[in-house]
Amino acid sequence: MPKGVTRKASPEQPAPQKAAPAGPRQERAQGPARPETRPDQRSIKGPQTARRGARPARPPLEEAHTPSTFRLFYALRVPTEVAARLAEAQRALKGNWRSVRADQMHVTLAYLPAAPPERLADLKALGARLIPELAPLDVRLRGTGYFPNEGSPRVWFVKVEAEGLNELAAALRAGVHELGLSTDELAFKAHITLARKKGPAPRVPPQTYDLGWTAGGVTLYRSFLQKTGPIYEPQGSYRFQTPEVATSPPDTTPSTDPPAPESAPPQEPS
C-alpha cells in the first residue's frame, strides 16, 4: 500500500477498539482478588487462639480445680432469733463495712487454715468422740469490739462468754494437734463477727447486749471464699451430753404398820 494512504475498514470487519483502562472507581468496586482457600484453611467455629498478652478466660465454677487443702473450723452455731437481733445492729453500718449474713454467724472454737481433704474423716471422728462427753454451754453476749484493735479496725464483733467455753476450745485444738494437723496461732477470743472492713469506713458506736442461749452442740464447717464474702458449709454436727432426768426408784421398804383386822363373816339368820 502506498505510503500515506489509510486503509478503510470493511463493514463486515469493524476495526478493533482498545479497551479503556479501568478508572479508580472501577478498581475500588472490583477490589483485590480473593485468594483461594484450601479445605484445611477454612474457618471452624470454636474457641479462638488467645492473642499474645490477652488475659485467659476464667473457667466456670463447676470446672474449677479441687483445692489441695480445705479451710475448716469447729464452731457454735448462733440461733436464728439471736442472729436476727444482731442483724438489726448491722443496719447502722456505713461506708465499706461488709456485713456477715445472719445465717452465717457463729462462734469459732478451732480454725484449720490448711487441712488436707483426706483428713476430713479424722476431724469428723474427733468431734463425734469429744463433744458428746461435754455438758451444754450457757452462752451470753456482751459488748462490741474491733480486731485487731480500735486504732486500725478491720473486723467488728460482739464478745461471747460461757463457762467452760475456753476449755472446750482448748480440748478441740489439742485434739487437732494430736492428729498431726495445725490450727491458727491466734489466741482464742470468743466472739461473733458482725462485719468486715473493705475500705474507708467510719467507726461503729459501741453496743451492748443482754442476749444468750444454751448451745446444744458443735458444728464442723468448711469455708468457701466468694466475691461477696466467705460461705460456710456444715460438714458434721455433734451434740453435747444430754442431761439425764432423775427418776425415783420404786419403794421396796416393808411397811411396819399392823395389818388391818379382817371383818367377821355375816351370820345367817336363825
C-alpha atoms as a PDB file:
ATOM      1  CA  MET A   1       0.000   0.000   0.000  1.00  0.00           C
ATOM      2  CA  PRO A   2       1.392   3.380  -0.930  1.00  0.00           C
ATOM      3  CA  LYS A   3       2.840   5.362   1.925  1.00  0.00           C
ATOM      4  CA  GLY A   4       0.460   7.882   3.447  1.00  0.00           C
ATOM      5  CA  VAL A   5      -2.715   6.048   2.331  1.00  0.00           C
ATOM      6  CA  THR A   6      -5.031   4.818   5.062  1.00  0.00           C
ATOM      7  CA  ARG A   7      -6.879   1.581   4.539  1.00  0.00           C
ATOM      8  CA  LYS A   8     -10.602   1.774   5.171  1.00  0.00           C
ATOM      9  CA  ALA A   9     -12.112  -0.844   7.385  1.00  0.00           C
ATOM     10  CA  SER A  10     -14.534  -3.224   5.806  1.00  0.00           C
ATOM     11  CA  PRO A  11     -18.118  -3.010   7.025  1.00  0.00           C
ATOM     12  CA  GLU A  12     -18.026  -6.725   7.695  1.00  0.00           C
ATOM     13  CA  GLN A  13     -14.878  -6.414   9.768  1.00  0.00           C
ATOM     14  CA  PRO A  14     -15.029  -3.363  12.028  1.00  0.00           C
ATOM     15  CA  ALA A  15     -11.752  -2.132  13.329  1.00  0.00           C
ATOM     16  CA  PRO A  16     -10.932  -3.479  16.820  1.00  0.00           C
ATOM     17  CA  GLN A  17     -11.066  -0.908  19.602  1.00  0.00           C
ATOM     18  CA  LYS A  18      -8.677  -0.713  22.504  1.00  0.00           C
ATOM     19  CA  ALA A  19     -10.233  -1.306  25.923  1.00  0.00           C
ATOM     20  CA  ALA A  20     -10.149   1.758  28.091  1.00  0.00           C
ATOM     21  CA  PRO A  21      -8.118   1.353  31.254  1.00  0.00           C
ATOM     22  CA  ALA A  22     -10.167   0.845  34.368  1.00  0.00           C
ATOM     23  CA  GLY A  23     -10.589   4.003  36.379  1.00  0.00           C
ATOM     24  CA  PRO A  24     -10.110   4.343  40.116  1.00  0.00           C
ATOM     25  CA  ARG A  25     -13.803   3.786  40.799  1.00  0.00           C
ATOM     26  CA  GLN A  26     -13.811   0.537  38.874  1.00  0.00           C
ATOM     27  CA  GLU A  27     -10.746  -0.701  40.725  1.00  0.00           C
ATOM     28  CA  ARG A  28     -12.351   0.022  44.072  1.00  0.00           C
ATOM     29  CA  ALA A  29     -15.575  -1.663  43.044  1.00  0.00           C
ATOM     30  CA  GLN A  30     -13.822  -4.830  41.933  1.00  0.00           C
ATOM     31  CA  GLY A  31     -11.422  -4.956  44.844  1.00  0.00           C
ATOM     32  CA  PRO A  32      -8.432  -7.254  45.113  1.00  0.00           C
ATOM     33  CA  ALA A  33      -8.795 -10.825  44.066  1.00  0.00           C
ATOM     34  CA  ARG A  34      -9.739 -13.205  46.912  1.00  0.00           C
ATOM     35  CA  PRO A  35      -7.115 -15.891  47.361  1.00  0.00           C
ATOM     36  CA  GLU A  36      -8.213 -19.463  47.031  1.00  0.00           C
ATOM     37  CA  THR A  37      -8.831 -21.134  50.379  1.00  0.00           C
ATOM     38  CA  ARG A  38      -7.799 -24.714  50.932  1.00  0.00           C
ATOM     39  CA  PRO A  39     -10.102 -27.034  52.882  1.00  0.00           C
ATOM     40  CA  ASP A  40      -7.649 -27.179  55.751  1.00  0.00           C
ATOM     41  CA  GLN A  41      -7.670 -23.380  55.946  1.00  0.00           C
ATOM     42  CA  ARG A  42     -11.446 -22.965  56.292  1.00  0.00           C
ATOM     43  CA  SER A  43     -12.657 -21.327  59.479  1.00  0.00           C
ATOM     44  CA  ILE A  44     -14.117 -23.640  62.123  1.00  0.00           C
ATOM     45  CA  LYS A  45     -16.392 -22.331  64.828  1.00  0.00           C
ATOM     46  CA  GLY A  46     -14.902 -22.929  68.250  1.00  0.00           C
ATOM     47  CA  PRO A  47     -12.549 -21.419  70.782  1.00  0.00           C
ATOM     48  CA  GLN A  48     -10.152 -18.978  69.188  1.00  0.00           C
ATOM     49  CA  THR A  49      -6.480 -18.809  69.914  1.00  0.00           C
ATOM     50  CA  ALA A  50      -5.814 -16.212  72.582  1.00  0.00           C
ATOM     51  CA  ARG A  51      -3.891 -13.179  71.449  1.00  0.00           C
ATOM     52  CA  ARG A  52      -0.462 -12.614  72.828  1.00  0.00           C
ATOM     53  CA  GLY A  53      -0.738 -10.801  76.137  1.00  0.00           C
ATOM     54  CA  ALA A  54      -4.524 -11.332  76.408  1.00  0.00           C
ATOM     55  CA  ARG A  55      -5.913 -12.418  79.792  1.00  0.00           C
ATOM     56  CA  PRO A  56      -7.141 -16.043  79.729  1.00  0.00           C
ATOM     57  CA  ALA A  57     -10.839 -16.598  80.293  1.00  0.00           C
ATOM     58  CA  ARG A  58     -11.842 -17.629  83.818  1.00  0.00           C
ATOM     59  CA  PRO A  59     -13.161 -21.220  83.934  1.00  0.00           C
ATOM     60  CA  PRO A  60     -16.732 -21.809  85.144  1.00  0.00           C
ATOM     61  CA  LEU A  61     -17.208 -22.596  88.828  1.00  0.00           C
ATOM     62  CA  GLU A  62     -18.142 -26.191  88.131  1.00  0.00           C
ATOM     63  CA  GLU A  63     -14.875 -26.710  86.247  1.00  0.00           C
ATOM     64  CA  ALA A  64     -12.644 -25.088  88.861  1.00  0.00           C
ATOM     65  CA  HIS A  65      -9.859 -27.315  90.136  1.00  0.00           C
ATOM     66  CA  THR A  66     -10.171 -29.006  93.505  1.00  0.00           C
ATOM     67  CA  PRO A  67      -8.107 -27.150  96.134  1.00  0.00           C
ATOM     68  CA  SER A  68      -5.217 -29.054  97.680  1.00  0.00           C
ATOM     69  CA  THR A  69      -6.299 -28.041 101.212  1.00  0.00           C
ATOM     70  CA  PHE A  70      -9.562 -27.206 102.991  1.00  0.00           C
ATOM     71  CA  ARG A  71     -10.337 -24.305 105.331  1.00  0.00           C
ATOM     72  CA  LEU A  72     -12.162 -25.959 108.239  1.00  0.00           C
ATOM     73  CA  PHE A  73     -13.272 -24.866 111.698  1.00  0.00           C
ATOM     74  CA  TYR A  74     -15.283 -26.057 114.685  1.00  0.00           C
ATOM     75  CA  ALA A  75     -17.863 -23.554 115.910  1.00  0.00           C
ATOM     76  CA  LEU A  76     -21.034 -22.922 117.881  1.00  0.00           C
ATOM     77  CA  ARG A  77     -23.965 -22.019 115.657  1.00  0.00           C
ATOM     78  CA  VAL A  78     -25.843 -18.835 116.578  1.00  0.00           C
ATOM     79  CA  PRO A  79     -29.619 -19.450 116.879  1.00  0.00           C
ATOM     80  CA  THR A  80     -31.896 -17.713 114.388  1.00  0.00           C
ATOM     81  CA  GLU A  81     -33.589 -15.464 116.952  1.00  0.00           C
ATOM     82  CA  VAL A  82     -30.245 -14.237 118.341  1.00  0.00           C
ATOM     83  CA  ALA A  83     -28.783 -13.683 114.864  1.00  0.00           C
ATOM     84  CA  ALA A  84     -31.847 -11.622 113.923  1.00  0.00           C
ATOM     85  CA  ARG A  85     -31.198  -9.248 116.842  1.00  0.00           C
ATOM     86  CA  LEU A  86     -27.558  -8.851 115.804  1.00  0.00           C
ATOM     87  CA  ALA A  87     -28.584  -8.207 112.192  1.00  0.00           C
ATOM     88  CA  GLU A  88     -30.573  -5.179 113.365  1.00  0.00           C
ATOM     89  CA  ALA A  89     -27.323  -3.544 114.514  1.00  0.00           C
ATOM     90  CA  GLN A  90     -25.773  -4.109 111.088  1.00  0.00           C
ATOM     91  CA  ARG A  91     -28.255  -1.696 109.526  1.00  0.00           C
ATOM     92  CA  ALA A  92     -26.350   1.199 111.090  1.00  0.00           C
ATOM     93  CA  LEU A  93     -23.145   0.316 109.199  1.00  0.00           C
ATOM     94  CA  LYS A  94     -21.883   2.918 106.710  1.00  0.00           C
ATOM     95  CA  GLY A  95     -19.050   3.091 104.220  1.00  0.00           C
ATOM     96  CA  ASN A  96     -17.133  -0.035 103.247  1.00  0.00           C
ATOM     97  CA  TRP A  97     -18.286  -2.328 106.041  1.00  0.00           C
ATOM     98  CA  ARG A  98     -19.411  -5.731 104.709  1.00  0.00           C
ATOM     99  CA  SER A  99     -21.963  -7.403 106.972  1.00  0.00           C
ATOM    100  CA  VAL A 100     -21.940 -11.103 107.791  1.00  0.00           C
ATOM    101  CA  ARG A 101     -25.185 -12.814 106.876  1.00  0.00           C
ATOM    102  CA  ALA A 102     -27.360 -13.761 109.829  1.00  0.00           C
ATOM    103  CA  ASP A 103     -27.438 -17.440 108.819  1.00  0.00           C
ATOM    104  CA  GLN A 104     -23.617 -17.485 108.718  1.00  0.00           C
ATOM    105  CA  MET A 105     -22.989 -16.154 112.250  1.00  0.00           C
ATOM    106  CA  HIS A 106     -21.032 -18.474 114.568  1.00  0.00           C
ATOM    107  CA  VAL A 107     -18.521 -18.664 117.430  1.00  0.00           C
ATOM    108  CA  THR A 108     -15.237 -20.138 116.179  1.00  0.00           C
ATOM    109  CA  LEU A 109     -13.588 -22.646 118.539  1.00  0.00           C
ATOM    110  CA  ALA A 110     -10.710 -24.029 116.440  1.00  0.00           C
ATOM    111  CA  TYR A 111      -9.661 -22.975 112.926  1.00  0.00           C
ATOM    112  CA  LEU A 112      -7.631 -25.093 110.481  1.00  0.00           C
ATOM    113  CA  PRO A 113      -6.474 -22.854 107.597  1.00  0.00           C
ATOM    114  CA  ALA A 114      -4.950 -25.668 105.502  1.00  0.00           C
ATOM    115  CA  ALA A 115      -6.328 -29.132 106.257  1.00  0.00           C
ATOM    116  CA  PRO A 116      -5.677 -31.985 103.785  1.00  0.00           C
ATOM    117  CA  PRO A 117      -9.001 -33.160 102.291  1.00  0.00           C
ATOM    118  CA  GLU A 118      -8.217 -36.792 103.142  1.00  0.00           C
ATOM    119  CA  ARG A 119      -8.107 -35.893 106.867  1.00  0.00           C
ATOM    120  CA  LEU A 120     -11.680 -34.620 106.949  1.00  0.00           C
ATOM    121  CA  ALA A 121     -12.911 -38.015 108.183  1.00  0.00           C
ATOM    122  CA  ASP A 122     -10.456 -37.862 111.113  1.00  0.00           C
ATOM    123  CA  LEU A 123     -11.734 -34.420 112.101  1.00  0.00           C
ATOM    124  CA  LYS A 124     -15.331 -35.650 111.980  1.00  0.00           C
ATOM    125  CA  ALA A 125     -14.378 -38.576 114.215  1.00  0.00           C
ATOM    126  CA  LEU A 126     -12.721 -36.173 116.671  1.00  0.00           C
ATOM    127  CA  GLY A 127     -15.932 -34.202 117.047  1.00  0.00           C
ATOM    128  CA  ALA A 128     -18.033 -37.358 117.412  1.00  0.00           C
ATOM    129  CA  ARG A 129     -15.705 -38.653 120.156  1.00  0.00           C
ATOM    130  CA  LEU A 130     -15.129 -35.457 122.149  1.00  0.00           C
ATOM    131  CA  ILE A 131     -18.349 -33.416 122.103  1.00  0.00           C
ATOM    132  CA  PRO A 132     -20.860 -35.996 123.487  1.00  0.00           C
ATOM    133  CA  GLU A 133     -18.786 -36.193 126.695  1.00  0.00           C
ATOM    134  CA  LEU A 134     -19.278 -32.472 127.475  1.00  0.00           C
ATOM    135  CA  ALA A 135     -22.219 -30.636 129.030  1.00  0.00           C
ATOM    136  CA  PRO A 136     -24.207 -27.953 127.143  1.00  0.00           C
ATOM    137  CA  LEU A 137     -22.982 -24.352 127.411  1.00  0.00           C
ATOM    138  CA  ASP A 138     -24.948 -21.312 128.590  1.00  0.00           C
ATOM    139  CA  VAL A 139     -23.729 -18.611 126.176  1.00  0.00           C
ATOM    140  CA  ARG A 140     -24.069 -14.874 126.875  1.00  0.00           C
ATOM    141  CA  LEU A 141     -23.352 -11.885 124.610  1.00  0.00           C
ATOM    142  CA  ARG A 142     -21.609  -8.733 125.852  1.00  0.00           C
ATOM    143  CA  GLY A 143     -20.295  -5.565 124.172  1.00  0.00           C
ATOM    144  CA  THR A 144     -18.904  -4.976 120.680  1.00  0.00           C
ATOM    145  CA  GLY A 145     -15.242  -4.507 119.758  1.00  0.00           C
ATOM    146  CA  TYR A 146     -12.705  -4.413 116.918  1.00  0.00           C
ATOM    147  CA  PHE A 147      -9.950  -6.653 115.587  1.00  0.00           C
ATOM    148  CA  PRO A 148      -7.012  -6.187 115.638  1.00  0.00           C
ATOM    149  CA  ASN A 149      -7.610  -3.034 117.714  1.00  0.00           C
ATOM    150  CA  GLU A 150      -9.722   0.104 117.808  1.00  0.00           C
ATOM    151  CA  GLY A 151      -6.956   2.178 116.205  1.00  0.00           C
ATOM    152  CA  SER A 152      -6.971   0.157 112.968  1.00  0.00           C
ATOM    153  CA  PRO A 153     -10.275  -1.725 112.904  1.00  0.00           C
ATOM    154  CA  ARG A 154     -10.747  -4.422 110.277  1.00  0.00           C
ATOM    155  CA  VAL A 155     -13.349  -6.641 111.982  1.00  0.00           C
ATOM    156  CA  TRP A 156     -16.364  -5.600 114.058  1.00  0.00           C
ATOM    157  CA  PHE A 157     -17.540  -8.252 116.509  1.00  0.00           C
ATOM    158  CA  VAL A 158     -19.554  -8.905 119.663  1.00  0.00           C
ATOM    159  CA  LYS A 159     -17.933 -10.602 122.656  1.00  0.00           C
ATOM    160  CA  VAL A 160     -19.144 -14.008 123.856  1.00  0.00           C
ATOM    161  CA  GLU A 161     -18.890 -15.553 127.328  1.00  0.00           C
ATOM    162  CA  ALA A 162     -19.736 -19.024 128.642  1.00  0.00           C
ATOM    163  CA  GLU A 163     -18.482 -21.164 131.492  1.00  0.00           C
ATOM    164  CA  GLY A 164     -16.375 -23.961 130.021  1.00  0.00           C
ATOM    165  CA  LEU A 165     -16.028 -22.275 126.604  1.00  0.00           C
ATOM    166  CA  ASN A 166     -12.257 -21.764 126.859  1.00  0.00           C
ATOM    167  CA  GLU A 167     -11.802 -25.381 127.966  1.00  0.00           C
ATOM    168  CA  LEU A 168     -13.868 -26.606 125.011  1.00  0.00           C
ATOM    169  CA  ALA A 169     -11.757 -24.622 122.535  1.00  0.00           C
ATOM    170  CA  ALA A 170      -8.536 -25.887 124.150  1.00  0.00           C
ATOM    171  CA  ALA A 171      -9.726 -29.509 124.004  1.00  0.00           C
ATOM    172  CA  LEU A 172     -10.604 -29.250 120.317  1.00  0.00           C
ATOM    173  CA  ARG A 173      -7.275 -27.640 119.432  1.00  0.00           C
ATOM    174  CA  ALA A 174      -5.376 -30.264 121.404  1.00  0.00           C
ATOM    175  CA  GLY A 175      -7.299 -32.996 119.597  1.00  0.00           C
ATOM    176  CA  VAL A 176      -6.440 -31.476 116.224  1.00  0.00           C
ATOM    177  CA  HIS A 177      -2.746 -31.326 117.151  1.00  0.00           C
ATOM    178  CA  GLU A 178      -2.828 -34.974 118.251  1.00  0.00           C
ATOM    179  CA  LEU A 179      -3.962 -35.817 114.717  1.00  0.00           C
ATOM    180  CA  GLY A 180      -0.799 -34.158 113.407  1.00  0.00           C
ATOM    181  CA  LEU A 181      -2.714 -31.167 111.996  1.00  0.00           C
ATOM    182  CA  SER A 182      -2.270 -27.455 112.658  1.00  0.00           C
ATOM    183  CA  THR A 183      -4.616 -24.722 113.826  1.00  0.00           C
ATOM    184  CA  ASP A 184      -4.092 -20.987 113.574  1.00  0.00           C
ATOM    185  CA  GLU A 185      -1.689 -19.408 116.057  1.00  0.00           C
ATOM    186  CA  LEU A 186      -4.090 -16.721 117.275  1.00  0.00           C
ATOM    187  CA  ALA A 187      -5.075 -16.694 120.927  1.00  0.00           C
ATOM    188  CA  PHE A 188      -8.651 -17.803 121.496  1.00  0.00           C
ATOM    189  CA  LYS A 189     -11.064 -14.880 121.937  1.00  0.00           C
ATOM    190  CA  ALA A 190     -14.697 -15.956 121.856  1.00  0.00           C
ATOM    191  CA  HIS A 191     -16.664 -13.642 119.546  1.00  0.00           C
ATOM    192  CA  ILE A 192     -19.225 -13.402 116.752  1.00  0.00           C
ATOM    193  CA  THR A 193     -18.059 -11.498 113.663  1.00  0.00           C
ATOM    194  CA  LEU A 194     -20.654  -8.934 112.575  1.00  0.00           C
ATOM    195  CA  ALA A 195     -18.842  -7.141 109.717  1.00  0.00           C
ATOM    196  CA  ARG A 196     -15.504  -6.838 107.908  1.00  0.00           C
ATOM    197  CA  LYS A 197     -13.970  -3.596 106.695  1.00  0.00           C
ATOM    198  CA  LYS A 198     -13.150  -3.478 102.953  1.00  0.00           C
ATOM    199  CA  GLY A 199     -12.118   0.160 102.669  1.00  0.00           C
ATOM    200  CA  PRO A 200     -12.586   3.562 104.300  1.00  0.00           C
ATOM    201  CA  ALA A 201     -15.484   3.389 106.746  1.00  0.00           C
ATOM    202  CA  PRO A 202     -16.496   5.207 109.931  1.00  0.00           C
ATOM    203  CA  ARG A 203     -16.333   3.505 113.293  1.00  0.00           C
ATOM    204  CA  VAL A 204     -19.474   1.933 114.669  1.00  0.00           C
ATOM    205  CA  PRO A 205     -20.807   3.217 118.011  1.00  0.00           C
ATOM    206  CA  PRO A 206     -20.235   0.657 120.793  1.00  0.00           C
ATOM    207  CA  GLN A 207     -23.195  -1.510 121.675  1.00  0.00           C
ATOM    208  CA  THR A 208     -24.001  -3.913 124.493  1.00  0.00           C
ATOM    209  CA  TYR A 209     -26.313  -6.902 124.529  1.00  0.00           C
ATOM    210  CA  ASP A 210     -28.174  -8.878 127.144  1.00  0.00           C
ATOM    211  CA  LEU A 211     -28.795 -11.932 124.979  1.00  0.00           C
ATOM    212  CA  GLY A 212     -27.919 -15.576 125.301  1.00  0.00           C
ATOM    213  CA  TRP A 213     -28.798 -19.166 124.519  1.00  0.00           C
ATOM    214  CA  THR A 214     -27.956 -22.708 125.538  1.00  0.00           C
ATOM    215  CA  ALA A 215     -25.581 -24.224 122.985  1.00  0.00           C
ATOM    216  CA  GLY A 216     -26.612 -27.786 122.268  1.00  0.00           C
ATOM    217  CA  GLY A 217     -23.618 -28.856 120.219  1.00  0.00           C
ATOM    218  CA  VAL A 218     -20.677 -28.084 117.922  1.00  0.00           C
ATOM    219  CA  THR A 219     -20.568 -27.987 114.115  1.00  0.00           C
ATOM    220  CA  LEU A 220     -17.590 -28.637 111.828  1.00  0.00           C
ATOM    221  CA  TYR A 221     -17.689 -26.167 108.916  1.00  0.00           C
ATOM    222  CA  ARG A 222     -15.825 -25.773 105.642  1.00  0.00           C
ATOM    223  CA  SER A 223     -15.194 -22.221 104.416  1.00  0.00           C
ATOM    224  CA  PHE A 224     -15.579 -21.259 100.739  1.00  0.00           C
ATOM    225  CA  LEU A 225     -14.249 -17.855  99.651  1.00  0.00           C
ATOM    226  CA  GLN A 226     -16.597 -15.892  97.377  1.00  0.00           C
ATOM    227  CA  LYS A 227     -16.572 -12.342  95.991  1.00  0.00           C
ATOM    228  CA  THR A 228     -19.409 -11.431  98.326  1.00  0.00           C
ATOM    229  CA  GLY A 229     -17.667 -12.980 101.342  1.00  0.00           C
ATOM    230  CA  PRO A 230     -16.978 -16.452 102.739  1.00  0.00           C
ATOM    231  CA  ILE A 231     -19.689 -19.106 102.786  1.00  0.00           C
ATOM    232  CA  TYR A 232     -19.694 -21.787 105.496  1.00  0.00           C
ATOM    233  CA  GLU A 233     -20.943 -25.287 104.711  1.00  0.00           C
ATOM    234  CA  PRO A 234     -21.548 -27.770 107.575  1.00  0.00           C
ATOM    235  CA  GLN A 235     -19.525 -30.981 107.372  1.00  0.00           C
ATOM    236  CA  GLY A 236     -20.734 -32.572 110.612  1.00  0.00           C
ATOM    237  CA  SER A 237     -22.728 -31.738 113.762  1.00  0.00           C
ATOM    238  CA  TYR A 238     -22.132 -33.156 117.261  1.00  0.00           C
ATOM    239  CA  ARG A 239     -24.493 -32.881 120.240  1.00  0.00           C
ATOM    240  CA  PHE A 240     -23.388 -32.189 123.790  1.00  0.00           C
ATOM    241  CA  GLN A 241     -24.173 -34.643 126.559  1.00  0.00           C
ATOM    242  CA  THR A 242     -27.911 -34.908 127.129  1.00  0.00           C
ATOM    243  CA  PRO A 243     -28.847 -34.266 130.777  1.00  0.00           C
ATOM    244  CA  GLU A 244     -30.379 -37.375 132.319  1.00  0.00           C
ATOM    245  CA  VAL A 245     -33.725 -36.965 134.042  1.00  0.00           C
ATOM    246  CA  ALA A 246     -33.525 -38.363 137.578  1.00  0.00           C
ATOM    247  CA  THR A 247     -36.246 -40.919 138.300  1.00  0.00           C
ATOM    248  CA  SER A 248     -37.211 -42.150 141.800  1.00  0.00           C
ATOM    249  CA  PRO A 249     -36.762 -45.925 142.235  1.00  0.00           C
ATOM    250  CA  PRO A 250     -39.798 -47.871 143.469  1.00  0.00           C
ATOM    251  CA  ASP A 251     -40.168 -48.046 147.301  1.00  0.00           C
ATOM    252  CA  THR A 252     -39.433 -51.614 148.372  1.00  0.00           C
ATOM    253  CA  THR A 253     -39.178 -50.914 152.145  1.00  0.00           C
ATOM    254  CA  PRO A 254     -41.586 -53.204 154.057  1.00  0.00           C
ATOM    255  CA  SER A 255     -44.350 -51.433 155.936  1.00  0.00           C
ATOM    256  CA  THR A 256     -44.290 -51.504 159.778  1.00  0.00           C
ATOM    257  CA  ASP A 257     -47.973 -50.694 160.193  1.00  0.00           C
ATOM    258  CA  PRO A 258     -50.091 -53.520 161.713  1.00  0.00           C
ATOM    259  CA  PRO A 259     -52.398 -55.265 159.287  1.00  0.00           C
ATOM    260  CA  ALA A 260     -55.998 -54.164 159.250  1.00  0.00           C
ATOM    261  CA  PRO A 261     -58.352 -56.536 161.100  1.00  0.00           C
ATOM    262  CA  GLU A 262     -60.398 -58.846 158.961  1.00  0.00           C
ATOM    263  CA  SER A 263     -64.141 -58.364 159.122  1.00  0.00           C
ATOM    264  CA  ALA A 264     -66.209 -61.308 160.511  1.00  0.00           C
ATOM    265  CA  PRO A 265     -68.314 -63.222 158.008  1.00  0.00           C
ATOM    266  CA  PRO A 266     -72.001 -62.368 158.127  1.00  0.00           C
ATOM    267  CA  GLN A 267     -74.205 -64.574 160.411  1.00  0.00           C
ATOM    268  CA  GLU A 268     -77.081 -66.439 158.809  1.00  0.00           C
ATOM    269  CA  PRO A 269     -80.401 -65.648 160.457  1.00  0.00           C
ATOM    270  CA  SER A 270     -81.618 -68.410 162.800  1.00  0.00           C
END
